Structures are given as structure tokens and as C-alpha cells.
């Protein structure tokens, strides 16, 4: 039978959200449904729900599985004060324009890329 630990550790500051709440928030931010995330990591949907509502504790192996889901890192999942940035993919319209520029001859590409950027010029002028 395992012994009870006598190690005295200071309490963890998890911020304003529990691990389950953080998992739920990250799942929603990344656009996963409970069933979709569960299928991605190899568990059933009701388990994903129980982890998100803090009915089950997240074991280390399960945390690794969640972190292997696309666009999710262990830092975001486990570190309460980690920098939380969401990288948005470029809009489809922008990607299509860039693909159009790539199809131009090099001389025309250079001309387009040498033009002043009105967005940056506006930002510099507002200082």
C-alpha cells in the first residue's frame, strides 16, 4: 500500500480558473466540440465533459493527450499565467491575393512589395 506523502508544498496559484475551466476555455477558443476533441485524443465525449467541468482530475498521460491536439500546448494547459495568445490564420481573401502576387513575374512582385503600405503609414502617422 502506498505511503501518504509528508512533503509540505506551498499552495498553487491557479489564477481565476481551474484546470478544467482552462481546458474548457481552450477547447472553445480552438473551435473543438467536446465530441471532436474527445475523438482527437482517443477518449469518449462524456470523459471530455467530465474533465472540462472538474468532475475528473486530469492525469499526466491525459494532459499529454490533450496537449497533442492541434493548436494546444502544455504551457497553455498547465501554466496558469502563461502568455495566452491565439494565432488567427490569415483571412481567405488575403491568402488569395498573396497567391495572385506569387503568380506575377518577379519584376512586378518587386514593384508591388516596394509600394508603401497604407496600413503601416496610417499607424505611423497616428503616433
N, C-alpha and C. Protein backbone atom coordinates (compact mmCIF):
# COMPACT_ATOMS: atom_id res chain seq x y z
N UNK A 1 0.84 -1.18 0.00
CA UNK A 1 0.00 0.00 0.00
C UNK A 1 0.89 1.24 0.00
N UNK A 2 0.60 2.24 -0.87
CA UNK A 2 1.44 3.44 -0.94
C UNK A 2 1.37 4.26 0.35
N UNK A 3 2.49 4.87 0.67
CA UNK A 3 2.53 5.73 1.85
C UNK A 3 1.99 7.11 1.51
N UNK A 4 1.40 7.77 2.47
CA UNK A 4 0.94 9.14 2.30
C UNK A 4 2.15 10.06 2.39
N UNK A 5 2.23 11.00 1.48
CA UNK A 5 3.36 11.91 1.44
C UNK A 5 3.32 12.89 2.61
N UNK A 6 4.47 13.17 3.18
CA UNK A 6 4.58 14.15 4.25
C UNK A 6 5.21 15.44 3.74
N UNK A 7 5.38 15.52 2.44
CA UNK A 7 6.00 16.69 1.83
C UNK A 7 5.08 17.90 1.95
N UNK A 8 5.61 19.00 2.47
CA UNK A 8 4.82 20.23 2.64
C UNK A 8 5.12 21.18 1.48
N UNK A 9 4.17 21.30 0.56
CA UNK A 9 4.34 22.18 -0.59
C UNK A 9 3.48 23.41 -0.45
N UNK A 10 3.97 24.55 -0.93
CA UNK A 10 3.13 25.75 -0.88
C UNK A 10 1.94 25.58 -1.83
N UNK A 11 0.82 26.24 -1.54
CA UNK A 11 -0.34 26.11 -2.42
C UNK A 11 -0.06 26.71 -3.79
N UNK A 12 -0.68 26.12 -4.80
CA UNK A 12 -0.53 26.62 -6.16
C UNK A 12 -1.50 27.76 -6.42
N UNK A 13 -1.03 28.79 -7.10
CA UNK A 13 -1.91 29.87 -7.53
C UNK A 13 -2.34 29.57 -8.96
N UNK A 14 -3.54 29.05 -9.12
CA UNK A 14 -4.04 28.70 -10.44
C UNK A 14 -4.76 29.85 -11.12
N UNK A 15 -4.70 31.02 -10.52
CA UNK A 15 -5.38 32.16 -11.11
C UNK A 15 -6.88 32.06 -10.85
N UNK A 16 -7.66 32.60 -11.74
CA UNK A 16 -9.11 32.65 -11.55
C UNK A 16 -9.83 31.44 -12.12
N UNK A 17 -9.12 30.53 -12.75
CA UNK A 17 -9.80 29.39 -13.35
C UNK A 17 -9.12 28.09 -12.96
N UNK A 18 -9.93 27.06 -12.82
CA UNK A 18 -9.40 25.73 -12.51
C UNK A 18 -8.84 25.12 -13.79
N UNK A 19 -8.20 23.99 -13.63
CA UNK A 19 -7.64 23.29 -14.79
C UNK A 19 -8.75 22.89 -15.76
N UNK A 20 -9.87 22.42 -15.22
CA UNK A 20 -11.00 22.04 -16.06
C UNK A 20 -11.58 23.24 -16.81
N UNK A 21 -11.70 24.37 -16.11
CA UNK A 21 -12.20 25.59 -16.76
C UNK A 21 -11.25 26.05 -17.86
N UNK A 22 -9.96 25.94 -17.61
CA UNK A 22 -8.97 26.32 -18.62
C UNK A 22 -9.07 25.40 -19.84
N UNK A 23 -9.23 24.11 -19.58
CA UNK A 23 -9.39 23.15 -20.67
C UNK A 23 -10.64 23.46 -21.49
N UNK A 24 -11.73 23.78 -20.81
CA UNK A 24 -12.98 24.12 -21.48
C UNK A 24 -12.81 25.38 -22.33
N UNK A 25 -12.15 26.40 -21.76
CA UNK A 25 -11.94 27.65 -22.50
C UNK A 25 -11.07 27.42 -23.73
N UNK A 26 -9.97 26.69 -23.56
CA UNK A 26 -9.08 26.43 -24.68
C UNK A 26 -9.75 25.60 -25.77
N UNK A 27 -10.58 24.65 -25.35
CA UNK A 27 -11.31 23.83 -26.32
C UNK A 27 -12.23 24.71 -27.17
N UNK A 28 -12.93 25.64 -26.51
CA UNK A 28 -13.85 26.52 -27.24
C UNK A 28 -13.09 27.50 -28.13
N UNK A 29 -11.99 28.07 -27.61
CA UNK A 29 -11.20 29.02 -28.40
C UNK A 29 -10.64 28.35 -29.64
N UNK A 30 -10.23 27.10 -29.53
CA UNK A 30 -9.65 26.38 -30.66
C UNK A 30 -10.71 25.81 -31.60
N UNK A 31 -12.00 25.96 -31.23
CA UNK A 31 -13.07 25.55 -32.12
C UNK A 31 -13.40 24.07 -32.10
N UNK A 32 -13.06 23.38 -31.01
CA UNK A 32 -13.37 21.96 -30.90
C UNK A 32 -14.69 21.78 -30.16
N UNK A 33 -15.49 20.83 -30.60
CA UNK A 33 -16.63 20.37 -29.81
C UNK A 33 -16.10 19.35 -28.81
N UNK A 34 -16.91 19.04 -27.80
CA UNK A 34 -16.47 18.01 -26.85
C UNK A 34 -16.23 16.69 -27.58
N UNK A 35 -17.16 16.34 -28.45
CA UNK A 35 -17.03 15.07 -29.17
C UNK A 35 -15.82 15.09 -30.10
N UNK A 36 -15.57 16.23 -30.76
CA UNK A 36 -14.44 16.34 -31.67
C UNK A 36 -13.11 16.23 -30.96
N UNK A 37 -13.00 16.92 -29.83
CA UNK A 37 -11.75 16.84 -29.06
C UNK A 37 -11.57 15.44 -28.48
N UNK A 38 -12.66 14.85 -27.98
CA UNK A 38 -12.57 13.50 -27.42
C UNK A 38 -12.09 12.52 -28.48
N UNK A 39 -12.65 12.61 -29.67
CA UNK A 39 -12.24 11.71 -30.75
C UNK A 39 -10.77 11.94 -31.12
N UNK A 40 -10.34 13.21 -31.10
CA UNK A 40 -8.97 13.55 -31.46
C UNK A 40 -7.95 12.94 -30.50
N UNK A 41 -8.32 12.87 -29.20
CA UNK A 41 -7.35 12.36 -28.23
C UNK A 41 -7.61 10.93 -27.81
N UNK A 42 -8.70 10.34 -28.31
CA UNK A 42 -8.94 8.92 -28.06
C UNK A 42 -9.72 8.59 -26.80
N UNK A 43 -10.60 9.51 -26.37
CA UNK A 43 -11.47 9.22 -25.23
C UNK A 43 -12.92 9.41 -25.67
N UNK A 44 -13.85 9.06 -24.79
CA UNK A 44 -15.26 9.26 -25.13
C UNK A 44 -15.69 10.67 -24.71
N UNK A 45 -16.77 11.15 -25.33
CA UNK A 45 -17.23 12.52 -25.12
C UNK A 45 -17.57 12.82 -23.67
N UNK A 46 -18.15 11.85 -22.96
CA UNK A 46 -18.53 12.11 -21.57
C UNK A 46 -17.29 12.34 -20.69
N UNK A 47 -16.17 11.70 -21.01
CA UNK A 47 -14.93 11.96 -20.26
C UNK A 47 -14.43 13.37 -20.53
N UNK A 48 -14.49 13.82 -21.78
CA UNK A 48 -14.07 15.19 -22.10
C UNK A 48 -14.93 16.18 -21.33
N UNK A 49 -16.21 15.90 -21.21
CA UNK A 49 -17.12 16.75 -20.44
C UNK A 49 -16.72 16.76 -18.97
N UNK A 50 -16.44 15.58 -18.42
CA UNK A 50 -16.08 15.49 -17.00
C UNK A 50 -14.77 16.22 -16.70
N UNK A 51 -13.80 16.17 -17.60
CA UNK A 51 -12.55 16.91 -17.40
C UNK A 51 -12.82 18.42 -17.45
N UNK A 52 -13.67 18.85 -18.37
CA UNK A 52 -13.96 20.29 -18.52
C UNK A 52 -14.76 20.87 -17.39
N UNK A 53 -15.51 20.03 -16.66
CA UNK A 53 -16.31 20.51 -15.54
C UNK A 53 -15.69 20.17 -14.19
N UNK A 54 -14.45 19.73 -14.20
CA UNK A 54 -13.70 19.38 -12.98
C UNK A 54 -14.31 18.22 -12.21
N UNK A 55 -15.07 17.36 -12.87
CA UNK A 55 -15.57 16.15 -12.21
C UNK A 55 -14.49 15.07 -12.16
N UNK A 56 -13.52 15.16 -13.04
CA UNK A 56 -12.39 14.24 -13.05
C UNK A 56 -11.10 15.05 -13.00
N UNK A 57 -10.11 14.51 -12.30
CA UNK A 57 -8.80 15.15 -12.29
C UNK A 57 -8.04 14.73 -13.54
N UNK A 58 -7.28 15.65 -14.07
CA UNK A 58 -6.52 15.40 -15.29
C UNK A 58 -5.21 14.70 -14.93
N UNK A 59 -5.05 13.44 -15.33
CA UNK A 59 -3.82 12.70 -15.10
C UNK A 59 -2.76 13.16 -16.10
N UNK A 60 -1.52 12.91 -15.78
CA UNK A 60 -0.42 13.37 -16.64
C UNK A 60 -0.54 12.83 -18.06
N UNK A 61 -0.85 11.56 -18.21
CA UNK A 61 -0.97 10.98 -19.56
C UNK A 61 -2.11 11.64 -20.33
N UNK A 62 -3.20 11.93 -19.65
CA UNK A 62 -4.34 12.56 -20.31
C UNK A 62 -4.00 14.00 -20.69
N UNK A 63 -3.27 14.70 -19.84
CA UNK A 63 -2.85 16.06 -20.15
C UNK A 63 -1.98 16.08 -21.41
N UNK A 64 -1.10 15.10 -21.53
CA UNK A 64 -0.27 14.99 -22.74
C UNK A 64 -1.15 14.75 -23.96
N UNK A 65 -2.16 13.90 -23.82
CA UNK A 65 -3.07 13.66 -24.94
C UNK A 65 -3.78 14.95 -25.35
N UNK A 66 -4.26 15.71 -24.37
CA UNK A 66 -4.92 16.98 -24.70
C UNK A 66 -3.94 17.94 -25.37
N UNK A 67 -2.71 17.96 -24.91
CA UNK A 67 -1.72 18.86 -25.49
C UNK A 67 -1.32 18.45 -26.89
N UNK A 68 -1.50 17.19 -27.25
CA UNK A 68 -1.18 16.76 -28.61
C UNK A 68 -2.25 17.16 -29.60
N UNK A 69 -3.39 17.62 -29.12
CA UNK A 69 -4.44 18.11 -30.03
C UNK A 69 -3.89 19.36 -30.73
N UNK A 70 -4.30 19.59 -31.97
CA UNK A 70 -3.76 20.73 -32.72
C UNK A 70 -3.99 22.06 -32.00
N UNK A 71 -3.01 22.92 -32.10
CA UNK A 71 -3.07 24.29 -31.57
C UNK A 71 -3.21 24.38 -30.05
N UNK A 72 -2.75 23.39 -29.34
CA UNK A 72 -2.80 23.42 -27.89
C UNK A 72 -1.45 22.99 -27.36
N UNK A 73 -0.94 23.72 -26.38
CA UNK A 73 0.36 23.37 -25.82
C UNK A 73 0.21 23.04 -24.34
N UNK A 74 1.18 22.32 -23.81
CA UNK A 74 1.18 22.01 -22.38
C UNK A 74 1.27 23.28 -21.55
N UNK A 75 2.04 24.26 -22.02
CA UNK A 75 2.13 25.52 -21.29
C UNK A 75 0.76 26.16 -21.13
N UNK A 76 0.00 26.22 -22.21
CA UNK A 76 -1.33 26.82 -22.13
C UNK A 76 -2.23 26.04 -21.21
N UNK A 77 -2.12 24.73 -21.26
CA UNK A 77 -2.99 23.88 -20.47
C UNK A 77 -2.62 23.90 -18.99
N UNK A 78 -1.34 23.83 -18.68
CA UNK A 78 -0.92 23.64 -17.29
C UNK A 78 -0.40 24.89 -16.58
N UNK A 79 0.11 25.85 -17.32
CA UNK A 79 0.67 27.04 -16.66
C UNK A 79 -0.40 28.10 -16.55
N UNK A 80 -0.81 28.44 -15.34
CA UNK A 80 -1.90 29.38 -15.18
C UNK A 80 -1.60 30.78 -15.70
N UNK A 81 -0.36 31.21 -15.61
CA UNK A 81 -0.05 32.57 -16.02
C UNK A 81 0.76 32.61 -17.29
N UNK A 82 0.71 31.54 -18.07
CA UNK A 82 1.44 31.52 -19.34
C UNK A 82 0.81 32.54 -20.28
N UNK A 83 1.63 33.07 -21.14
CA UNK A 83 1.13 34.02 -22.11
C UNK A 83 0.13 33.31 -23.01
N UNK A 84 -1.07 33.84 -23.05
CA UNK A 84 -2.13 33.21 -23.82
C UNK A 84 -2.38 34.02 -25.08
N UNK A 85 -1.85 33.53 -26.18
CA UNK A 85 -2.08 34.19 -27.45
C UNK A 85 -2.75 33.21 -28.40
N UNK A 86 -3.70 33.74 -29.11
CA UNK A 86 -4.38 32.93 -30.11
C UNK A 86 -3.94 33.45 -31.47
N UNK A 87 -3.33 32.59 -32.23
CA UNK A 87 -2.86 32.97 -33.56
C UNK A 87 -3.99 32.71 -34.54
N UNK A 88 -4.49 33.80 -35.10
CA UNK A 88 -5.56 33.66 -36.08
C UNK A 88 -4.95 33.42 -37.45
N UNK A 89 -5.50 32.49 -38.20
CA UNK A 89 -4.99 32.29 -39.56
C UNK A 89 -5.40 33.48 -40.43
N UNK A 90 -4.60 33.79 -41.45
CA UNK A 90 -4.96 34.90 -42.33
C UNK A 90 -6.31 34.64 -43.00
N UNK A 91 -7.01 35.71 -43.28
CA UNK A 91 -8.31 35.57 -43.95
C UNK A 91 -8.12 35.00 -45.33
N UNK A 92 -9.12 34.31 -45.82
CA UNK A 92 -9.06 33.66 -47.13
C UNK A 92 -8.83 34.68 -48.23
N UNK A 93 -9.46 35.85 -48.12
CA UNK A 93 -9.30 36.89 -49.13
C UNK A 93 -7.83 37.33 -49.23
N UNK A 94 -7.18 37.49 -48.08
CA UNK A 94 -5.77 37.89 -48.06
C UNK A 94 -4.90 36.80 -48.67
N UNK A 95 -5.19 35.55 -48.33
CA UNK A 95 -4.40 34.45 -48.87
C UNK A 95 -4.53 34.37 -50.40
N UNK A 96 -5.72 34.60 -50.90
CA UNK A 96 -5.91 34.56 -52.36
C UNK A 96 -5.14 35.69 -53.04
N UNK A 97 -5.11 36.86 -52.42
CA UNK A 97 -4.35 37.97 -53.01
C UNK A 97 -2.85 37.66 -53.02
N UNK A 98 -2.37 37.08 -51.93
CA UNK A 98 -0.95 36.72 -51.87
C UNK A 98 -0.61 35.67 -52.93
N UNK A 99 -1.51 34.72 -53.12
CA UNK A 99 -1.27 33.70 -54.16
C UNK A 99 -1.23 34.35 -55.54
N UNK A 100 -2.08 35.38 -55.74
CA UNK A 100 -2.07 36.10 -57.01
C UNK A 100 -0.76 36.84 -57.23
N UNK A 101 -0.22 37.44 -56.17
CA UNK A 101 1.06 38.16 -56.27
C UNK A 101 2.17 37.16 -56.57
N UNK A 102 2.13 35.97 -55.98
CA UNK A 102 3.16 34.96 -56.23
C UNK A 102 3.18 34.50 -57.68
N UNK A 103 2.05 34.60 -58.37
CA UNK A 103 1.98 34.17 -59.77
C UNK A 103 2.51 35.22 -60.73
N UNK A 104 2.72 36.44 -60.24
CA UNK A 104 3.24 37.51 -61.10
C UNK A 104 4.72 37.30 -61.39
N UNK A 105 5.21 37.90 -62.47
CA UNK A 105 6.65 37.86 -62.73
C UNK A 105 7.42 38.56 -61.61
N UNK A 106 8.67 38.18 -61.38
CA UNK A 106 9.46 38.76 -60.28
C UNK A 106 9.52 40.28 -60.29
N UNK A 107 9.59 40.87 -61.46
CA UNK A 107 9.70 42.34 -61.54
C UNK A 107 8.43 43.00 -61.00
N UNK A 108 7.26 42.45 -61.35
CA UNK A 108 6.00 43.01 -60.85
C UNK A 108 5.84 42.74 -59.36
N UNK A 109 6.32 41.58 -58.90
CA UNK A 109 6.27 41.30 -57.46
C UNK A 109 7.09 42.33 -56.70
N UNK A 110 8.29 42.63 -57.20
CA UNK A 110 9.17 43.60 -56.55
C UNK A 110 8.51 44.97 -56.51
N UNK A 111 7.82 45.35 -57.59
CA UNK A 111 7.14 46.64 -57.64
C UNK A 111 6.04 46.71 -56.58
N UNK A 112 5.25 45.65 -56.49
CA UNK A 112 4.16 45.63 -55.51
C UNK A 112 4.72 45.68 -54.09
N UNK A 113 5.76 44.91 -53.84
CA UNK A 113 6.32 44.86 -52.50
C UNK A 113 7.08 46.13 -52.11
N UNK A 114 7.49 46.93 -53.09
CA UNK A 114 8.20 48.17 -52.78
C UNK A 114 7.24 49.32 -52.50
N UNK A 115 5.97 49.15 -52.83
CA UNK A 115 4.99 50.22 -52.59
C UNK A 115 4.80 50.41 -51.09
N UNK A 116 4.61 51.67 -50.66
CA UNK A 116 4.40 51.91 -49.22
C UNK A 116 3.09 51.25 -48.77
N UNK A 117 3.11 50.71 -47.57
CA UNK A 117 1.95 50.03 -47.01
C UNK A 117 1.04 51.07 -46.36
N UNK A 118 -0.18 51.28 -46.87
CA UNK A 118 -1.05 52.30 -46.29
C UNK A 118 -1.45 51.98 -44.85
N UNK A 119 -1.51 50.73 -44.49
CA UNK A 119 -1.85 50.38 -43.12
C UNK A 119 -0.75 50.82 -42.18
N UNK A 120 0.50 50.52 -42.54
CA UNK A 120 1.63 50.92 -41.69
C UNK A 120 1.80 52.42 -41.68
N UNK A 121 1.58 53.08 -42.82
CA UNK A 121 1.71 54.52 -42.90
C UNK A 121 0.68 55.17 -41.99
N UNK A 122 -0.54 54.64 -41.96
CA UNK A 122 -1.58 55.17 -41.08
C UNK A 122 -1.22 54.98 -39.63
N UNK A 123 -0.62 53.85 -39.29
CA UNK A 123 -0.24 53.58 -37.91
C UNK A 123 0.89 54.49 -37.47
N UNK A 124 1.84 54.76 -38.40
CA UNK A 124 2.97 55.64 -38.06
C UNK A 124 2.50 57.08 -37.94
N UNK A 125 1.53 57.47 -38.75
CA UNK A 125 1.04 58.84 -38.71
C UNK A 125 0.20 59.14 -37.49
N UNK A 126 -0.31 58.12 -36.82
CA UNK A 126 -1.17 58.33 -35.66
C UNK A 126 -0.40 58.43 -34.35
N UNK A 127 0.92 58.36 -34.41
CA UNK A 127 1.73 58.42 -33.18
C UNK A 127 1.78 59.78 -32.61
